[in-house]
Amino acid sequence: VDGDVSTLSGMANVLYDFELDGKITPYIGGGLGVASINVEIDSVAGVTTAFDDSDTVIAYQGLVGLRYPLTDQISIRGGYRLFATGDPEFGTTEGEFLSHNIEVGLSYNF
């Protein structure tokens, strides 16, 4: 199968920081929202086809990671995110969407 799958999501998250004695702060969290999933198939087994469909479904995620302060206001963080959705439908076919993500980022604390 040759084609593309893309998703655009909007999420609301809640994170909990575990305040420990050291500088590293572990966190855990989760979120709920919606995701629009688009599937575009160009060919199947070398045979050209034209399939393009999308569905909007409920999305959810779980997060876990660590945060380390670089300054009083800026922290670097790294973590894992499991992102999944309800089963999207494309024509008469039902699918699944699940992704595992490793994240690295900067946080500004005010």
Protein backbone atom coordinates (compact mmCIF):
# COMPACT_ATOMS: atom_id res chain seq x y z
CA VAL A 1 0.00 0.00 0.00
CA ASP A 2 1.36 3.41 -0.96
CA GLY A 3 -0.22 6.47 0.65
CA ASP A 4 -0.31 8.78 3.65
CA VAL A 5 -2.02 8.96 7.03
CA SER A 6 -2.11 12.28 8.88
CA THR A 7 -3.75 13.52 12.03
CA LEU A 8 -4.52 16.94 13.51
CA SER A 9 -5.56 17.00 17.16
CA GLY A 10 -6.61 19.41 19.87
CA MET A 11 -6.03 18.22 23.43
CA ALA A 12 -6.61 19.41 26.99
CA ASN A 13 -4.02 17.95 29.38
CA VAL A 14 -3.60 17.71 33.14
CA LEU A 15 -0.07 17.14 34.48
CA TYR A 16 1.04 16.39 38.02
CA ASP A 17 4.61 17.22 39.14
CA PHE A 18 6.16 15.09 41.90
CA GLU A 19 8.13 17.60 43.98
CA LEU A 20 11.20 15.74 45.28
CA ASP A 21 14.27 16.96 47.18
CA GLY A 22 16.54 17.03 44.10
CA LYS A 23 16.46 19.22 41.02
CA ILE A 24 14.82 16.59 38.77
CA THR A 25 11.02 16.68 38.84
CA PRO A 26 9.11 13.64 37.52
CA TYR A 27 5.65 14.26 36.05
CA ILE A 28 2.68 12.19 34.94
CA GLY A 29 -0.46 13.24 33.14
CA GLY A 30 -3.22 12.60 30.69
CA GLY A 31 -5.41 14.37 28.23
CA LEU A 32 -8.65 14.27 26.26
CA GLY A 33 -9.60 15.91 22.99
CA VAL A 34 -10.49 15.33 19.36
CA ALA A 35 -8.47 14.25 16.35
CA SER A 36 -9.13 14.52 12.62
CA ILE A 37 -7.50 11.56 10.84
CA ASN A 38 -7.01 11.64 7.07
CA VAL A 39 -6.13 8.57 4.97
CA GLU A 40 -5.00 8.96 1.36
CA ILE A 41 -4.15 5.80 -0.61
CA ASP A 42 -2.42 6.19 -3.98
CA SER A 43 -1.91 2.53 -4.94
CA VAL A 44 -2.37 -1.01 -3.65
CA ALA A 45 0.04 -3.73 -4.88
CA GLY A 46 1.16 -1.42 -7.70
CA VAL A 47 -2.40 -0.76 -8.94
CA THR A 48 -3.32 2.93 -8.95
CA THR A 49 -6.31 3.77 -6.81
CA ALA A 50 -7.81 7.03 -5.61
CA PHE A 51 -8.95 6.85 -1.99
CA ASP A 52 -9.06 9.92 0.25
CA ASP A 53 -11.22 10.01 3.38
CA SER A 54 -11.15 11.50 6.87
CA ASP A 55 -12.93 11.08 10.19
CA THR A 56 -13.00 13.09 13.42
CA VAL A 57 -12.92 11.02 16.62
CA ILE A 58 -12.29 11.32 20.36
CA ALA A 59 -8.57 11.28 21.28
CA TYR A 60 -6.77 10.54 24.53
CA GLN A 61 -3.19 10.43 25.74
CA GLY A 62 -0.99 9.52 28.68
CA LEU A 63 2.28 11.29 29.48
CA VAL A 64 5.22 10.57 31.77
CA GLY A 65 8.58 12.31 32.00
CA LEU A 66 11.20 14.33 33.81
CA ARG A 67 11.81 18.08 34.07
CA TYR A 68 15.14 19.70 34.98
CA PRO A 69 15.46 23.47 35.70
CA LEU A 70 18.07 25.38 33.67
CA THR A 71 17.15 28.71 35.30
CA ASP A 72 14.40 29.84 37.68
CA GLN A 73 12.01 30.14 34.73
CA ILE A 74 13.27 27.75 32.03
CA SER A 75 13.32 23.96 32.29
CA ILE A 76 14.29 21.21 29.89
CA ARG A 77 12.02 18.20 29.84
CA GLY A 78 11.95 14.76 28.29
CA GLY A 79 9.22 12.22 28.30
CA TYR A 80 7.03 9.60 26.70
CA ARG A 81 3.55 10.12 25.25
CA LEU A 82 1.02 7.46 24.25
CA PHE A 83 -1.56 8.99 21.88
CA ALA A 84 -4.63 7.05 20.75
CA THR A 85 -8.08 7.69 19.31
CA GLY A 86 -11.45 6.05 19.05
CA ASP A 87 -11.81 3.87 15.95
CA PRO A 88 -12.10 6.11 12.85
CA GLU A 89 -14.28 4.95 9.95
CA PHE A 90 -13.21 5.33 6.32
CA GLY A 91 -16.01 4.32 3.98
CA THR A 92 -16.99 0.82 5.11
CA THR A 93 -13.66 0.20 6.86
CA GLU A 94 -12.95 0.83 10.54
CA GLY A 95 -9.38 1.60 11.58
CA GLU A 96 -7.24 2.19 14.64
CA PHE A 97 -4.85 5.02 15.45
CA LEU A 98 -2.16 4.70 18.13
CA SER A 99 1.26 6.34 18.38
CA HIS A 100 4.18 6.16 20.79
CA ASN A 101 6.25 9.35 21.06
CA ILE A 102 9.48 10.37 22.76
CA GLU A 103 9.54 14.10 23.49
CA VAL A 104 12.19 16.65 24.39
CA GLY A 105 11.30 20.27 25.01
CA LEU A 106 11.73 23.51 26.89
CA SER A 107 9.23 24.86 29.40
CA TYR A 108 8.82 28.45 30.52
CA ASN A 109 7.58 28.73 34.10
CA PHE A 110 5.95 31.98 35.20
